[in-house]
Amino acid sequence: MILEIAQIDLKPGTEPDFEANIAKAAEIFRAAKGCRSFAVRRSVEKPQRYRLLIEWETLENHTQEFTGSQAWQDYRAMVSPFFEAPPSVEHTELTLQAF
């Protein structure tokens, strides 16, 4: 399993609209092939910063099948107007789980 971590910094004052739209976008991810979970976390220290934590069965489910699809374009149309800059995205693999 692959965990995608997307860091998103928002334009000041757009947090409520972003949160409303990202909640709607959860349905897009629920229907995406290989998407196992979708979570959004807001920074305490930097309230304009969010992190999307998306679990994919494979890296290809995200990078080849979802990215560039109509579903991805629909998602981006819903949330990108609020971005201060393009998101920073990385993919991780679990190496240790202690609890």
PDB file of N, CA and C in Angstrom:
ATOM      1  N   MET A   1       0.841  -1.171   0.000  1.00  0.00           N
ATOM      2  CA  MET A   1       0.000   0.000   0.000  1.00  0.00           C
ATOM      3  C   MET A   1       0.892   1.242   0.000  1.00  0.00           C
ATOM      4  N   ILE A   2       0.415   2.274  -0.657  1.00  0.00           N
ATOM      5  CA  ILE A   2       1.119   3.541  -0.804  1.00  0.00           C
ATOM      6  C   ILE A   2       0.297   4.640  -0.126  1.00  0.00           C
ATOM      7  N   LEU A   3       0.975   5.479   0.648  1.00  0.00           N
ATOM      8  CA  LEU A   3       0.326   6.644   1.238  1.00  0.00           C
ATOM      9  C   LEU A   3       0.795   7.873   0.486  1.00  0.00           C
ATOM     10  N   GLU A   4      -0.133   8.547  -0.146  1.00  0.00           N
ATOM     11  CA  GLU A   4       0.142   9.829  -0.795  1.00  0.00           C
ATOM     12  C   GLU A   4      -0.059  10.918   0.244  1.00  0.00           C
ATOM     13  N   ILE A   5       0.916  11.816   0.349  1.00  0.00           N
ATOM     14  CA  ILE A   5       0.812  12.956   1.252  1.00  0.00           C
ATOM     15  C   ILE A   5       0.909  14.216   0.395  1.00  0.00           C
ATOM     16  N   ALA A   6      -0.162  14.983   0.373  1.00  0.00           N
ATOM     17  CA  ALA A   6      -0.184  16.231  -0.386  1.00  0.00           C
ATOM     18  C   ALA A   6      -0.280  17.387   0.603  1.00  0.00           C
ATOM     19  N   GLN A   7       0.694  18.279   0.551  1.00  0.00           N
ATOM     20  CA  GLN A   7       0.662  19.471   1.387  1.00  0.00           C
ATOM     21  C   GLN A   7       0.106  20.617   0.559  1.00  0.00           C
ATOM     22  N   ILE A   8      -0.941  21.231   1.080  1.00  0.00           N
ATOM     23  CA  ILE A   8      -1.629  22.306   0.361  1.00  0.00           C
ATOM     24  C   ILE A   8      -1.656  23.549   1.226  1.00  0.00           C
ATOM     25  N   ASP A   9      -1.120  24.641   0.702  1.00  0.00           N
ATOM     26  CA  ASP A   9      -1.198  25.942   1.355  1.00  0.00           C
ATOM     27  C   ASP A   9      -2.263  26.764   0.639  1.00  0.00           C
ATOM     28  N   LEU A  10      -3.171  27.333   1.422  1.00  0.00           N
ATOM     29  CA  LEU A  10      -4.311  28.058   0.860  1.00  0.00           C
ATOM     30  C   LEU A  10      -4.120  29.570   0.887  1.00  0.00           C
ATOM     31  N   LYS A  11      -4.854  30.222   0.011  1.00  0.00           N
ATOM     32  CA  LYS A  11      -4.933  31.686   0.041  1.00  0.00           C
ATOM     33  C   LYS A  11      -5.633  32.083   1.343  1.00  0.00           C
ATOM     34  N   PRO A  12      -5.187  33.135   1.990  1.00  0.00           N
ATOM     35  CA  PRO A  12      -5.807  33.563   3.249  1.00  0.00           C
ATOM     36  C   PRO A  12      -7.315  33.777   3.098  1.00  0.00           C
ATOM     37  N   GLY A  13      -8.053  33.286   4.077  1.00  0.00           N
ATOM     38  CA  GLY A  13      -9.497  33.482   4.119  1.00  0.00           C
ATOM     39  C   GLY A  13     -10.312  32.480   3.325  1.00  0.00           C
ATOM     40  N   THR A  14      -9.658  31.562   2.624  1.00  0.00           N
ATOM     41  CA  THR A  14     -10.404  30.606   1.788  1.00  0.00           C
ATOM     42  C   THR A  14     -10.635  29.262   2.477  1.00  0.00           C
ATOM     43  N   GLU A  15     -10.201  29.137   3.714  1.00  0.00           N
ATOM     44  CA  GLU A  15     -10.289  27.853   4.409  1.00  0.00           C
ATOM     45  C   GLU A  15     -11.709  27.269   4.454  1.00  0.00           C
ATOM     46  N   PRO A  16     -12.742  28.054   4.811  1.00  0.00           N
ATOM     47  CA  PRO A  16     -14.093  27.473   4.870  1.00  0.00           C
ATOM     48  C   PRO A  16     -14.574  26.940   3.507  1.00  0.00           C
ATOM     49  N   ASP A  17     -14.303  27.665   2.446  1.00  0.00           N
ATOM     50  CA  ASP A  17     -14.726  27.225   1.114  1.00  0.00           C
ATOM     51  C   ASP A  17     -13.943  25.985   0.681  1.00  0.00           C
ATOM     52  N   PHE A  18     -12.647  25.974   0.969  1.00  0.00           N
ATOM     53  CA  PHE A  18     -11.843  24.798   0.649  1.00  0.00           C
ATOM     54  C   PHE A  18     -12.380  23.576   1.390  1.00  0.00           C
ATOM     55  N   GLU A  19     -12.642  23.723   2.681  1.00  0.00           N
ATOM     56  CA  GLU A  19     -13.127  22.586   3.467  1.00  0.00           C
ATOM     57  C   GLU A  19     -14.468  22.068   2.947  1.00  0.00           C
ATOM     58  N   ALA A  20     -15.340  22.962   2.532  1.00  0.00           N
ATOM     59  CA  ALA A  20     -16.624  22.537   1.970  1.00  0.00           C
ATOM     60  C   ALA A  20     -16.415  21.765   0.673  1.00  0.00           C
ATOM     61  N   ASN A  21     -15.528  22.248  -0.182  1.00  0.00           N
ATOM     62  CA  ASN A  21     -15.300  21.591  -1.469  1.00  0.00           C
ATOM     63  C   ASN A  21     -14.519  20.290  -1.327  1.00  0.00           C
ATOM     64  N   ILE A  22     -13.567  20.244  -0.408  1.00  0.00           N
ATOM     65  CA  ILE A  22     -12.799  19.009  -0.245  1.00  0.00           C
ATOM     66  C   ILE A  22     -13.697  17.915   0.344  1.00  0.00           C
ATOM     67  N   ALA A  23     -14.678  18.295   1.137  1.00  0.00           N
ATOM     68  CA  ALA A  23     -15.634  17.312   1.657  1.00  0.00           C
ATOM     69  C   ALA A  23     -16.438  16.699   0.501  1.00  0.00           C
ATOM     70  N   LYS A  24     -16.830  17.527  -0.454  1.00  0.00           N
ATOM     71  CA  LYS A  24     -17.537  17.009  -1.635  1.00  0.00           C
ATOM     72  C   LYS A  24     -16.612  16.137  -2.483  1.00  0.00           C
ATOM     73  N   ALA A  25     -15.351  16.530  -2.560  1.00  0.00           N
ATOM     74  CA  ALA A  25     -14.384  15.781  -3.375  1.00  0.00           C
ATOM     75  C   ALA A  25     -14.100  14.393  -2.818  1.00  0.00           C
ATOM     76  N   ALA A  26     -14.388  14.169  -1.550  1.00  0.00           N
ATOM     77  CA  ALA A  26     -14.161  12.850  -0.958  1.00  0.00           C
ATOM     78  C   ALA A  26     -14.886  11.763  -1.749  1.00  0.00           C
ATOM     79  N   GLU A  27     -16.039  12.096  -2.304  1.00  0.00           N
ATOM     80  CA  GLU A  27     -16.789  11.126  -3.112  1.00  0.00           C
ATOM     81  C   GLU A  27     -16.019  10.720  -4.364  1.00  0.00           C
ATOM     82  N   ILE A  28     -15.277  11.641  -4.926  1.00  0.00           N
ATOM     83  CA  ILE A  28     -14.468  11.339  -6.106  1.00  0.00           C
ATOM     84  C   ILE A  28     -13.423  10.289  -5.749  1.00  0.00           C
ATOM     85  N   PHE A  29     -12.782  10.463  -4.602  1.00  0.00           N
ATOM     86  CA  PHE A  29     -11.759   9.511  -4.188  1.00  0.00           C
ATOM     87  C   PHE A  29     -12.380   8.174  -3.791  1.00  0.00           C
ATOM     88  N   ARG A  30     -13.544   8.205  -3.180  1.00  0.00           N
ATOM     89  CA  ARG A  30     -14.223   6.966  -2.787  1.00  0.00           C
ATOM     90  C   ARG A  30     -14.463   6.071  -4.007  1.00  0.00           C
ATOM     91  N   ALA A  31     -14.708   6.677  -5.153  1.00  0.00           N
ATOM     92  CA  ALA A  31     -14.992   5.921  -6.379  1.00  0.00           C
ATOM     93  C   ALA A  31     -13.736   5.573  -7.177  1.00  0.00           C
ATOM     94  N   ALA A  32     -12.595   6.143  -6.820  1.00  0.00           N
ATOM     95  CA  ALA A  32     -11.367   5.936  -7.599  1.00  0.00           C
ATOM     96  C   ALA A  32     -10.814   4.527  -7.395  1.00  0.00           C
ATOM     97  N   LYS A  33     -10.398   3.912  -8.471  1.00  0.00           N
ATOM     98  CA  LYS A  33      -9.825   2.572  -8.412  1.00  0.00           C
ATOM     99  C   LYS A  33      -8.574   2.576  -7.530  1.00  0.00           C
ATOM    100  N   GLY A  34      -8.534   1.677  -6.564  1.00  0.00           N
ATOM    101  CA  GLY A  34      -7.371   1.529  -5.715  1.00  0.00           C
ATOM    102  C   GLY A  34      -7.289   2.469  -4.540  1.00  0.00           C
ATOM    103  N   CYS A  35      -8.221   3.390  -4.412  1.00  0.00           N
ATOM    104  CA  CYS A  35      -8.194   4.322  -3.282  1.00  0.00           C
ATOM    105  C   CYS A  35      -8.813   3.633  -2.068  1.00  0.00           C
ATOM    106  N   ARG A  36      -8.028   3.506  -1.010  1.00  0.00           N
ATOM    107  CA  ARG A  36      -8.476   2.798   0.194  1.00  0.00           C
ATOM    108  C   ARG A  36      -8.953   3.724   1.291  1.00  0.00           C
ATOM    109  N   SER A  37      -8.380   4.924   1.363  1.00  0.00           N
ATOM    110  CA  SER A  37      -8.836   5.880   2.371  1.00  0.00           C
ATOM    111  C   SER A  37      -8.438   7.293   1.956  1.00  0.00           C
ATOM    112  N   PHE A  38      -9.143   8.248   2.525  1.00  0.00           N
ATOM    113  CA  PHE A  38      -8.941   9.662   2.194  1.00  0.00           C
ATOM    114  C   PHE A  38      -9.153  10.454   3.473  1.00  0.00           C
ATOM    115  N   ALA A  39      -8.139  11.200   3.901  1.00  0.00           N
ATOM    116  CA  ALA A  39      -8.257  12.020   5.110  1.00  0.00           C
ATOM    117  C   ALA A  39      -7.644  13.386   4.845  1.00  0.00           C
ATOM    118  N   VAL A  40      -8.178  14.380   5.521  1.00  0.00           N
ATOM    119  CA  VAL A  40      -7.679  15.745   5.406  1.00  0.00           C
ATOM    120  C   VAL A  40      -7.358  16.224   6.813  1.00  0.00           C
ATOM    121  N   ARG A  41      -6.148  16.760   6.972  1.00  0.00           N
ATOM    122  CA  ARG A  41      -5.716  17.286   8.268  1.00  0.00           C
ATOM    123  C   ARG A  41      -5.281  18.736   8.098  1.00  0.00           C
ATOM    124  N   ARG A  42      -5.639  19.557   9.082  1.00  0.00           N
ATOM    125  CA  ARG A  42      -5.291  20.982   9.065  1.00  0.00           C
ATOM    126  C   ARG A  42      -4.198  21.240  10.097  1.00  0.00           C
ATOM    127  N   SER A  43      -3.219  22.025   9.719  1.00  0.00           N
ATOM    128  CA  SER A  43      -2.116  22.350  10.619  1.00  0.00           C
ATOM    129  C   SER A  43      -2.595  23.248  11.755  1.00  0.00           C
ATOM    130  N   VAL A  44      -2.139  22.951  12.951  1.00  0.00           N
ATOM    131  CA  VAL A  44      -2.452  23.790  14.109  1.00  0.00           C
ATOM    132  C   VAL A  44      -1.618  25.062  14.066  1.00  0.00           C
ATOM    133  N   GLU A  45      -0.321  24.899  13.745  1.00  0.00           N
ATOM    134  CA  GLU A  45       0.572  26.051  13.736  1.00  0.00           C
ATOM    135  C   GLU A  45       0.369  26.961  12.529  1.00  0.00           C
ATOM    136  N   LYS A  46      -0.004  26.374  11.410  1.00  0.00           N
ATOM    137  CA  LYS A  46      -0.224  27.136  10.176  1.00  0.00           C
ATOM    138  C   LYS A  46      -1.620  26.787   9.645  1.00  0.00           C
ATOM    139  N   PRO A  47      -2.663  27.450  10.122  1.00  0.00           N
ATOM    140  CA  PRO A  47      -4.033  27.059   9.784  1.00  0.00           C
ATOM    141  C   PRO A  47      -4.403  27.156   8.306  1.00  0.00           C
ATOM    142  N   GLN A  48      -3.551  27.763   7.498  1.00  0.00           N
ATOM    143  CA  GLN A  48      -3.806  27.806   6.054  1.00  0.00           C
ATOM    144  C   GLN A  48      -3.175  26.606   5.345  1.00  0.00           C
ATOM    145  N   ARG A  49      -2.542  25.707   6.111  1.00  0.00           N
ATOM    146  CA  ARG A  49      -1.880  24.531   5.536  1.00  0.00           C
ATOM    147  C   ARG A  49      -2.683  23.272   5.865  1.00  0.00           C
ATOM    148  N   TYR A  50      -2.925  22.501   4.827  1.00  0.00           N
ATOM    149  CA  TYR A  50      -3.647  21.236   4.953  1.00  0.00           C
ATOM    150  C   TYR A  50      -2.782  20.116   4.390  1.00  0.00           C
ATOM    151  N   ARG A  51      -3.029  18.917   4.867  1.00  0.00           N
ATOM    152  CA  ARG A  51      -2.393  17.736   4.302  1.00  0.00           C
ATOM    153  C   ARG A  51      -3.477  16.731   3.974  1.00  0.00           C
ATOM    154  N   LEU A  52      -3.431  16.266   2.736  1.00  0.00           N
ATOM    155  CA  LEU A  52      -4.303  15.182   2.312  1.00  0.00           C
ATOM    156  C   LEU A  52      -3.511  13.895   2.467  1.00  0.00           C
ATOM    157  N   LEU A  53      -4.109  12.917   3.100  1.00  0.00           N
ATOM    158  CA  LEU A  53      -3.493  11.613   3.306  1.00  0.00           C
ATOM    159  C   LEU A  53      -4.372  10.598   2.589  1.00  0.00           C
ATOM    160  N   ILE A  54      -3.871  10.089   1.486  1.00  0.00           N
ATOM    161  CA  ILE A  54      -4.673   9.210   0.639  1.00  0.00           C
ATOM    162  C   ILE A  54      -3.940   7.885   0.491  1.00  0.00           C
ATOM    163  N   GLU A  55      -4.599   6.807   0.883  1.00  0.00           N
ATOM    164  CA  GLU A  55      -4.016   5.479   0.750  1.00  0.00           C
ATOM    165  C   GLU A  55      -4.458   4.867  -0.576  1.00  0.00           C
ATOM    166  N   TRP A  56      -3.467   4.412  -1.336  1.00  0.00           N
ATOM    167  CA  TRP A  56      -3.699   3.763  -2.620  1.00  0.00           C
ATOM    168  C   TRP A  56      -3.179   2.330  -2.550  1.00  0.00           C
ATOM    169  N   GLU A  57      -3.852   1.425  -3.229  1.00  0.00           N
ATOM    170  CA  GLU A  57      -3.368   0.043  -3.278  1.00  0.00           C
ATOM    171  C   GLU A  57      -2.001  -0.023  -3.947  1.00  0.00           C
ATOM    172  N   THR A  58      -1.828   0.727  -5.041  1.00  0.00           N
ATOM    173  CA  THR A  58      -0.543   0.757  -5.741  1.00  0.00           C
ATOM    174  C   THR A  58      -0.214   2.192  -6.127  1.00  0.00           C
ATOM    175  N   LEU A  59       1.042   2.455  -6.383  1.00  0.00           N
ATOM    176  CA  LEU A  59       1.467   3.775  -6.852  1.00  0.00           C
ATOM    177  C   LEU A  59       0.790   4.091  -8.186  1.00  0.00           C
ATOM    178  N   GLU A  60       0.682   3.081  -9.052  1.00  0.00           N
ATOM    179  CA  GLU A  60       0.082   3.273 -10.377  1.00  0.00           C
ATOM    180  C   GLU A  60      -1.391   3.660 -10.289  1.00  0.00           C
ATOM    181  N   ASN A  61      -2.099   3.192  -9.230  1.00  0.00           N
ATOM    182  CA  ASN A  61      -3.494   3.607  -9.068  1.00  0.00           C
ATOM    183  C   ASN A  61      -3.595   5.124  -9.002  1.00  0.00           C
ATOM    184  N   HIS A  62      -2.613   5.748  -8.381  1.00  0.00           N
ATOM    185  CA  HIS A  62      -2.628   7.203  -8.290  1.00  0.00           C
ATOM    186  C   HIS A  62      -2.001   7.850  -9.516  1.00  0.00           C
ATOM    187  N   THR A  63      -0.756   7.479  -9.816  1.00  0.00           N
ATOM    188  CA  THR A  63       0.016   8.223 -10.809  1.00  0.00           C
ATOM    189  C   THR A  63      -0.381   7.939 -12.252  1.00  0.00           C
ATOM    190  N   GLN A  64      -0.900   6.758 -12.527  1.00  0.00           N
ATOM    191  CA  GLN A  64      -1.244   6.413 -13.910  1.00  0.00           C
ATOM    192  C   GLN A  64      -2.746   6.381 -14.160  1.00  0.00           C
ATOM    193  N   GLU A  65      -3.514   5.897 -13.199  1.00  0.00           N
ATOM    194  CA  GLU A  65      -4.948   5.723 -13.427  1.00  0.00           C
ATOM    195  C   GLU A  65      -5.784   6.915 -12.973  1.00  0.00           C
ATOM    196  N   PHE A  66      -5.405   7.543 -11.855  1.00  0.00           N
ATOM    197  CA  PHE A  66      -6.214   8.646 -11.345  1.00  0.00           C
ATOM    198  C   PHE A  66      -5.751   9.999 -11.879  1.00  0.00           C
ATOM    199  N   THR A  67      -4.463  10.274 -11.744  1.00  0.00           N
ATOM    200  CA  THR A  67      -3.947  11.566 -12.192  1.00  0.00           C
ATOM    201  C   THR A  67      -4.150  11.714 -13.694  1.00  0.00           C
ATOM    202  N   GLY A  68      -4.762  12.795 -14.083  1.00  0.00           N
ATOM    203  CA  GLY A  68      -5.041  13.035 -15.494  1.00  0.00           C
ATOM    204  C   GLY A  68      -6.411  12.547 -15.936  1.00  0.00           C
ATOM    205  N   SER A  69      -7.083  11.759 -15.095  1.00  0.00           N
ATOM    206  CA  SER A  69      -8.419  11.269 -15.444  1.00  0.00           C
ATOM    207  C   SER A  69      -9.445  12.395 -15.303  1.00  0.00           C
ATOM    208  N   GLN A  70     -10.639  12.158 -15.781  1.00  0.00           N
ATOM    209  CA  GLN A  70     -11.715  13.142 -15.625  1.00  0.00           C
ATOM    210  C   GLN A  70     -12.024  13.362 -14.148  1.00  0.00           C
ATOM    211  N   ALA A  71     -11.971  12.298 -13.352  1.00  0.00           N
ATOM    212  CA  ALA A  71     -12.222  12.428 -11.915  1.00  0.00           C
ATOM    213  C   ALA A  71     -11.193  13.352 -11.272  1.00  0.00           C
ATOM    214  N   TRP A  72      -9.929  13.198 -11.660  1.00  0.00           N
ATOM    215  CA  TRP A  72      -8.869  14.060 -11.123  1.00  0.00           C
ATOM    216  C   TRP A  72      -9.112  15.504 -11.550  1.00  0.00           C
ATOM    217  N   GLN A  73      -9.500  15.723 -12.799  1.00  0.00           N
ATOM    218  CA  GLN A  73      -9.780  17.077 -13.281  1.00  0.00           C
ATOM    219  C   GLN A  73     -10.954  17.691 -12.518  1.00  0.00           C
ATOM    220  N   ASP A  74     -11.975  16.878 -12.224  1.00  0.00           N
ATOM    221  CA  ASP A  74     -13.120  17.367 -11.453  1.00  0.00           C
ATOM    222  C   ASP A  74     -12.689  17.767 -10.044  1.00  0.00           C
ATOM    223  N   TYR A  75     -11.865  16.925  -9.422  1.00  0.00           N
ATOM    224  CA  TYR A  75     -11.348  17.224  -8.087  1.00  0.00           C
ATOM    225  C   TYR A  75     -10.558  18.533  -8.110  1.00  0.00           C
ATOM    226  N   ARG A  76      -9.637  18.660  -9.049  1.00  0.00           N
ATOM    227  CA  ARG A  76      -8.801  19.863  -9.114  1.00  0.00           C
ATOM    228  C   ARG A  76      -9.649  21.115  -9.353  1.00  0.00           C
ATOM    229  N   ALA A  77     -10.685  21.010 -10.164  1.00  0.00           N
ATOM    230  CA  ALA A  77     -11.557  22.166 -10.410  1.00  0.00           C
ATOM    231  C   ALA A  77     -12.259  22.610  -9.126  1.00  0.00           C
ATOM    232  N   MET A  78     -12.523  21.664  -8.243  1.00  0.00           N
ATOM    233  CA  MET A  78     -13.217  21.978  -6.995  1.00  0.00           C
ATOM    234  C   MET A  78     -12.311  22.660  -5.971  1.00  0.00           C
ATOM    235  N   VAL A  79     -11.020  22.321  -5.970  1.00  0.00           N
ATOM    236  CA  VAL A  79     -10.159  22.787  -4.886  1.00  0.00           C
ATOM    237  C   VAL A  79      -9.034  23.737  -5.301  1.00  0.00           C
ATOM    238  N   SER A  80      -8.590  23.664  -6.537  1.00  0.00           N
ATOM    239  CA  SER A  80      -7.410  24.453  -6.916  1.00  0.00           C
ATOM    240  C   SER A  80      -7.606  25.971  -6.869  1.00  0.00           C
ATOM    241  N   PRO A  81      -8.816  26.516  -6.999  1.00  0.00           N
ATOM    242  CA  PRO A  81      -8.935  27.978  -6.882  1.00  0.00           C
ATOM    243  C   PRO A  81      -8.483  28.522  -5.523  1.00  0.00           C
ATOM    244  N   PHE A  82      -8.413  27.666  -4.521  1.00  0.00           N
ATOM    245  CA  PHE A  82      -8.052  28.098  -3.176  1.00  0.00           C
ATOM    246  C   PHE A  82      -6.547  27.973  -2.891  1.00  0.00           C
ATOM    247  N   PHE A  83      -5.798  27.325  -3.787  1.00  0.00           N
ATOM    248  CA  PHE A  83      -4.371  27.076  -3.565  1.00  0.00           C
ATOM    249  C   PHE A  83      -3.564  28.367  -3.655  1.00  0.00           C
ATOM    250  N   GLU A  84      -2.667  28.547  -2.706  1.00  0.00           N
ATOM    251  CA  GLU A  84      -1.705  29.651  -2.748  1.00  0.00           C
ATOM    252  C   GLU A  84      -0.610  29.332  -3.770  1.00  0.00           C
ATOM    253  N   ALA A  85      -0.260  28.049  -3.848  1.00  0.00           N
ATOM    254  CA  ALA A  85       0.774  27.559  -4.763  1.00  0.00           C
ATOM    255  C   ALA A  85       0.448  26.100  -5.068  1.00  0.00           C
ATOM    256  N   PRO A  86       1.072  25.521  -6.083  1.00  0.00           N
ATOM    257  CA  PRO A  86       0.811  24.108  -6.359  1.00  0.00           C
ATOM    258  C   PRO A  86       1.151  23.243  -5.138  1.00  0.00           C
ATOM    259  N   PRO A  87       0.358  22.201  -4.880  1.00  0.00           N
ATOM    260  CA  PRO A  87       0.630  21.322  -3.742  1.00  0.00           C
ATOM    261  C   PRO A  87       1.958  20.590  -3.901  1.00  0.00           C
ATOM    262  N   SER A  88       2.530  20.246  -2.770  1.00  0.00           N
ATOM    263  CA  SER A  88       3.706  19.387  -2.732  1.00  0.00           C
ATOM    264  C   SER A  88       3.199  17.972  -2.453  1.00  0.00           C
ATOM    265  N   VAL A  89       3.557  17.018  -3.324  1.00  0.00           N
ATOM    266  CA  VAL A  89       3.031  15.652  -3.208  1.00  0.00           C
ATOM    267  C   VAL A  89       4.181  14.665  -3.136  1.00  0.00           C
ATOM    268  N   GLU A  90       4.058  13.708  -2.219  1.00  0.00           N
ATOM    269  CA  GLU A  90       5.007  12.614  -2.159  1.00  0.00           C
ATOM    270  C   GLU A  90       4.266  11.326  -1.827  1.00  0.00           C
ATOM    271  N   HIS A  91       4.909  10.213  -2.119  1.00  0.00           N
ATOM    272  CA  HIS A  91       4.344   8.895  -1.859  1.00  0.00           C
ATOM    273  C   HIS A  91       5.254   8.167  -0.879  1.00  0.00           C
ATOM    274  N   THR A  92       4.647   7.496   0.093  1.00  0.00           N
ATOM    275  CA  THR A  92       5.429   6.812   1.122  1.00  0.00           C
ATOM    276  C   THR A  92       4.970   5.361   1.251  1.00  0.00           C
ATOM    277  N   GLU A  93       5.884   4.550   1.776  1.00  0.00           N
ATOM    278  CA  GLU A  93       5.585   3.158   2.109  1.00  0.00           C
ATOM    279  C   GLU A  93       5.794   2.984   3.612  1.00  0.00           C
ATOM    280  N   LEU A  94       4.990   2.165   4.229  1.00  0.00           N
ATOM    281  CA  LEU A  94       5.109   1.894   5.653  1.00  0.00           C
ATOM    282  C   LEU A  94       6.329   1.029   5.920  1.00  0.00           C
ATOM    283  N   THR A  95       7.185   1.479   6.813  1.00  0.00           N
ATOM    284  CA  THR A  95       8.356   0.676   7.188  1.00  0.00           C
ATOM    285  C   THR A  95       8.277   0.204   8.630  1.00  0.00           C
ATOM    286  N   LEU A  96       7.479   0.874   9.460  1.00  0.00           N
ATOM    287  CA  LEU A  96       7.322   0.465  10.852  1.00  0.00           C
ATOM    288  C   LEU A  96       6.006   1.002  11.383  1.00  0.00           C
ATOM    289  N   GLN A  97       5.299   0.172  12.112  1.00  0.00           N
ATOM    290  CA  GLN A  97       4.096   0.611  12.819  1.00  0.00           C
ATOM    291  C   GLN A  97       4.210   0.050  14.226  1.00  0.00           C
ATOM    292  N   ALA A  98       4.379   0.920  15.211  1.00  0.00           N
ATOM    293  CA  ALA A  98       4.668   0.487  16.565  1.00  0.00           C
ATOM    294  C   ALA A  98       3.431   0.255  17.421  1.00  0.00           C
ATOM    295  N   PHE A  99       2.327   0.903  17.092  1.00  0.00           N
ATOM    296  CA  PHE A  99       1.122   0.755  17.917  1.00  0.00           C
ATOM    297  C   PHE A  99      -0.054   0.340  17.106  1.00  0.00           C
TER     298      PHE A  99
END
